Amino acid sequence: MLVPSKLVVLRRTLGVLVVTLAALSSTYAQSSGAVRGTVTVAGSKSPLAGAVVRLIPKRAGIRIVGKTDKSGRFRLDAAPGLYRVTVECDGYVSEEVATLEIASRDTVLLEIPVRPAP
């Protein structure tokens, strides 16, 4: 059982933790950038739902993965830096977009056509 004084310390610690996490989240949101766009079927421009879109950092870092929605759209938030973008979907040839740079508070727009697999 917690003693009242320990309960007060626990509440204060949790309060500080919540404020710190909120500040870090706000800082990341202000300094991050994004890639958004559409994956389509080459030739027909039909949207491709369920395609896996990956942001792969050119230097060490965390890969960011998302899927396209029913309209073929995606959005991936990332720290500023250089990234490769890859797209994969069953029944289609995997695509890789040339290296792109994501700047702080900037959004890179892409339209990525993929070809049906032979």
C-alpha atoms as a PDB file:
ATOM      1  CA  MET A   1       0.000   0.000   0.000  1.00  0.00           C
ATOM      2  CA  LEU A   2       1.297   3.446  -0.886  1.00  0.00           C
ATOM      3  CA  VAL A   3       1.911   5.887   1.909  1.00  0.00           C
ATOM      4  CA  PRO A   4       0.344   9.335   1.256  1.00  0.00           C
ATOM      5  CA  SER A   5       3.755  11.017   0.891  1.00  0.00           C
ATOM      6  CA  LYS A   6       4.840   8.408  -1.697  1.00  0.00           C
ATOM      7  CA  LEU A   7       1.556   8.918  -3.532  1.00  0.00           C
ATOM      8  CA  VAL A   8       2.237  12.668  -3.777  1.00  0.00           C
ATOM      9  CA  VAL A   9       5.752  11.992  -5.127  1.00  0.00           C
ATOM     10  CA  LEU A  10       4.324   9.503  -7.642  1.00  0.00           C
ATOM     11  CA  ARG A  11       1.724  12.024  -8.840  1.00  0.00           C
ATOM     12  CA  ARG A  12       4.359  14.746  -9.249  1.00  0.00           C
ATOM     13  CA  THR A  13       6.648  12.388 -11.145  1.00  0.00           C
ATOM     14  CA  LEU A  14       3.838  11.369 -13.479  1.00  0.00           C
ATOM     15  CA  GLY A  15       2.922  15.022 -14.003  1.00  0.00           C
ATOM     16  CA  VAL A  16       6.505  15.905 -14.956  1.00  0.00           C
ATOM     17  CA  LEU A  17       6.656  12.893 -17.280  1.00  0.00           C
ATOM     18  CA  VAL A  18       3.434  13.906 -19.066  1.00  0.00           C
ATOM     19  CA  VAL A  19       4.652  17.510 -19.522  1.00  0.00           C
ATOM     20  CA  THR A  20       8.037  16.289 -20.814  1.00  0.00           C
ATOM     21  CA  LEU A  21       6.451  13.899 -23.319  1.00  0.00           C
ATOM     22  CA  ALA A  22       4.085  16.612 -24.532  1.00  0.00           C
ATOM     23  CA  ALA A  23       7.008  19.005 -25.063  1.00  0.00           C
ATOM     24  CA  LEU A  24       9.034  16.370 -26.944  1.00  0.00           C
ATOM     25  CA  SER A  25       6.057  15.493 -29.116  1.00  0.00           C
ATOM     26  CA  SER A  26       5.501  19.145 -29.963  1.00  0.00           C
ATOM     27  CA  THR A  27       9.191  19.640 -30.780  1.00  0.00           C
ATOM     28  CA  TYR A  28       9.212  16.589 -33.078  1.00  0.00           C
ATOM     29  CA  ALA A  29       6.047  17.735 -34.833  1.00  0.00           C
ATOM     30  CA  GLN A  30       7.574  21.163 -35.455  1.00  0.00           C
ATOM     31  CA  SER A  31      10.887  19.821 -36.772  1.00  0.00           C
ATOM     32  CA  SER A  32       9.699  16.801 -38.759  1.00  0.00           C
ATOM     33  CA  GLY A  33       8.799  16.708 -42.405  1.00  0.00           C
ATOM     34  CA  ALA A  34       6.615  14.366 -44.423  1.00  0.00           C
ATOM     35  CA  VAL A  35       6.240  12.481 -47.655  1.00  0.00           C
ATOM     36  CA  ARG A  36       2.773  12.093 -49.046  1.00  0.00           C
ATOM     37  CA  GLY A  37       1.450  10.966 -52.344  1.00  0.00           C
ATOM     38  CA  THR A  38      -0.389   8.412 -54.396  1.00  0.00           C
ATOM     39  CA  VAL A  39       0.542   4.976 -55.707  1.00  0.00           C
ATOM     40  CA  THR A  40      -1.136   4.196 -59.024  1.00  0.00           C
ATOM     41  CA  VAL A  41      -1.157   1.418 -61.597  1.00  0.00           C
ATOM     42  CA  ALA A  42       1.113   2.492 -64.457  1.00  0.00           C
ATOM     43  CA  GLY A  43      -0.780   3.317 -67.647  1.00  0.00           C
ATOM     44  CA  SER A  44      -4.246   3.435 -66.125  1.00  0.00           C
ATOM     45  CA  LYS A  45      -3.581   5.827 -63.217  1.00  0.00           C
ATOM     46  CA  SER A  46      -5.953   3.683 -61.100  1.00  0.00           C
ATOM     47  CA  PRO A  47      -5.183   4.005 -57.370  1.00  0.00           C
ATOM     48  CA  LEU A  48      -3.462   1.020 -55.765  1.00  0.00           C
ATOM     49  CA  ALA A  49      -4.799   0.247 -52.281  1.00  0.00           C
ATOM     50  CA  GLY A  50      -2.744  -1.708 -49.749  1.00  0.00           C
ATOM     51  CA  ALA A  51       0.678  -1.023 -51.264  1.00  0.00           C
ATOM     52  CA  VAL A  52       3.509  -0.935 -48.697  1.00  0.00           C
ATOM     53  CA  VAL A  53       5.479   2.323 -48.826  1.00  0.00           C
ATOM     54  CA  ARG A  54       8.839   2.508 -47.028  1.00  0.00           C
ATOM     55  CA  LEU A  55      11.110   5.430 -46.214  1.00  0.00           C
ATOM     56  CA  ILE A  56      14.660   4.127 -45.831  1.00  0.00           C
ATOM     57  CA  PRO A  57      17.192   6.603 -44.427  1.00  0.00           C
ATOM     58  CA  LYS A  58      20.454   6.944 -46.373  1.00  0.00           C
ATOM     59  CA  ARG A  59      22.304   7.068 -43.060  1.00  0.00           C
ATOM     60  CA  ALA A  60      21.590   5.071 -39.943  1.00  0.00           C
ATOM     61  CA  GLY A  61      18.066   5.532 -38.711  1.00  0.00           C
ATOM     62  CA  ILE A  62      14.637   4.057 -38.374  1.00  0.00           C
ATOM     63  CA  ARG A  63      12.777   2.828 -41.452  1.00  0.00           C
ATOM     64  CA  ILE A  64       9.280   4.231 -41.662  1.00  0.00           C
ATOM     65  CA  VAL A  65       6.583   2.024 -43.147  1.00  0.00           C
ATOM     66  CA  GLY A  66       2.989   2.706 -44.148  1.00  0.00           C
ATOM     67  CA  LYS A  67       0.271   1.429 -46.461  1.00  0.00           C
ATOM     68  CA  THR A  68      -1.798   3.166 -49.071  1.00  0.00           C
ATOM     69  CA  ASP A  69      -5.494   3.683 -48.362  1.00  0.00           C
ATOM     70  CA  LYS A  70      -8.333   2.695 -50.714  1.00  0.00           C
ATOM     71  CA  SER A  71      -7.570   5.782 -52.823  1.00  0.00           C
ATOM     72  CA  GLY A  72      -3.896   4.824 -53.158  1.00  0.00           C
ATOM     73  CA  ARG A  73      -2.845   7.697 -50.884  1.00  0.00           C
ATOM     74  CA  PHE A  74      -0.184   7.589 -48.180  1.00  0.00           C
ATOM     75  CA  ARG A  75       1.521   9.926 -45.708  1.00  0.00           C
ATOM     76  CA  LEU A  76       4.707   9.219 -43.778  1.00  0.00           C
ATOM     77  CA  ASP A  77       6.175  11.641 -41.229  1.00  0.00           C
ATOM     78  CA  ALA A  78       9.945  11.619 -40.802  1.00  0.00           C
ATOM     79  CA  ALA A  79      12.886  13.501 -39.373  1.00  0.00           C
ATOM     80  CA  PRO A  80      14.729  15.739 -41.841  1.00  0.00           C
ATOM     81  CA  GLY A  81      17.257  13.874 -43.979  1.00  0.00           C
ATOM     82  CA  LEU A  82      17.888  11.881 -47.147  1.00  0.00           C
ATOM     83  CA  TYR A  83      15.678   8.870 -47.833  1.00  0.00           C
ATOM     84  CA  ARG A  84      14.983   6.233 -50.463  1.00  0.00           C
ATOM     85  CA  VAL A  85      11.319   5.422 -51.050  1.00  0.00           C
ATOM     86  CA  THR A  86      10.251   1.915 -52.010  1.00  0.00           C
ATOM     87  CA  VAL A  87       6.808   0.578 -52.935  1.00  0.00           C
ATOM     88  CA  GLU A  88       5.768  -3.072 -52.882  1.00  0.00           C
ATOM     89  CA  CYS A  89       2.442  -4.749 -53.566  1.00  0.00           C
ATOM     90  CA  ASP A  90       1.532  -8.343 -54.414  1.00  0.00           C
ATOM     91  CA  GLY A  91       1.071  -8.764 -58.165  1.00  0.00           C
ATOM     92  CA  TYR A  92       3.149  -5.669 -59.022  1.00  0.00           C
ATOM     93  CA  VAL A  93       6.810  -4.939 -59.724  1.00  0.00           C
ATOM     94  CA  SER A  94       8.509  -3.262 -56.736  1.00  0.00           C
ATOM     95  CA  GLU A  95       9.484   0.345 -57.353  1.00  0.00           C
ATOM     96  CA  GLU A  96      12.186   2.513 -55.840  1.00  0.00           C
ATOM     97  CA  VAL A  97      12.120   6.290 -56.035  1.00  0.00           C
ATOM     98  CA  ALA A  98      15.435   8.107 -56.372  1.00  0.00           C
ATOM     99  CA  THR A  99      16.824   9.606 -53.190  1.00  0.00           C
ATOM    100  CA  LEU A 100      14.799  12.499 -51.876  1.00  0.00           C
ATOM    101  CA  GLU A 101      15.426  15.047 -49.157  1.00  0.00           C
ATOM    102  CA  ILE A 102      12.906  15.781 -46.439  1.00  0.00           C
ATOM    103  CA  ALA A 103      13.370  19.191 -44.868  1.00  0.00           C
ATOM    104  CA  SER A 104      12.050  20.370 -41.526  1.00  0.00           C
ATOM    105  CA  ARG A 105       8.356  21.343 -41.732  1.00  0.00           C
ATOM    106  CA  ASP A 106       8.269  20.450 -45.437  1.00  0.00           C
ATOM    107  CA  THR A 107       6.106  17.943 -47.301  1.00  0.00           C
ATOM    108  CA  VAL A 108       7.440  16.137 -50.361  1.00  0.00           C
ATOM    109  CA  LEU A 109       4.713  15.152 -52.837  1.00  0.00           C
ATOM    110  CA  LEU A 110       5.053  11.982 -54.933  1.00  0.00           C
ATOM    111  CA  GLU A 111       3.036  10.084 -57.491  1.00  0.00           C
ATOM    112  CA  ILE A 112       4.446   6.590 -57.868  1.00  0.00           C
ATOM    113  CA  PRO A 113       3.258   4.407 -60.749  1.00  0.00           C
ATOM    114  CA  VAL A 114       3.804   0.655 -60.402  1.00  0.00           C
ATOM    115  CA  ARG A 115       3.674  -1.930 -63.178  1.00  0.00           C
ATOM    116  CA  PRO A 116       1.773  -5.215 -62.964  1.00  0.00           C
ATOM    117  CA  ALA A 117       4.110  -8.179 -62.534  1.00  0.00           C
ATOM    118  CA  PRO A 118       4.683 -10.242 -65.695  1.00  0.00           C
END
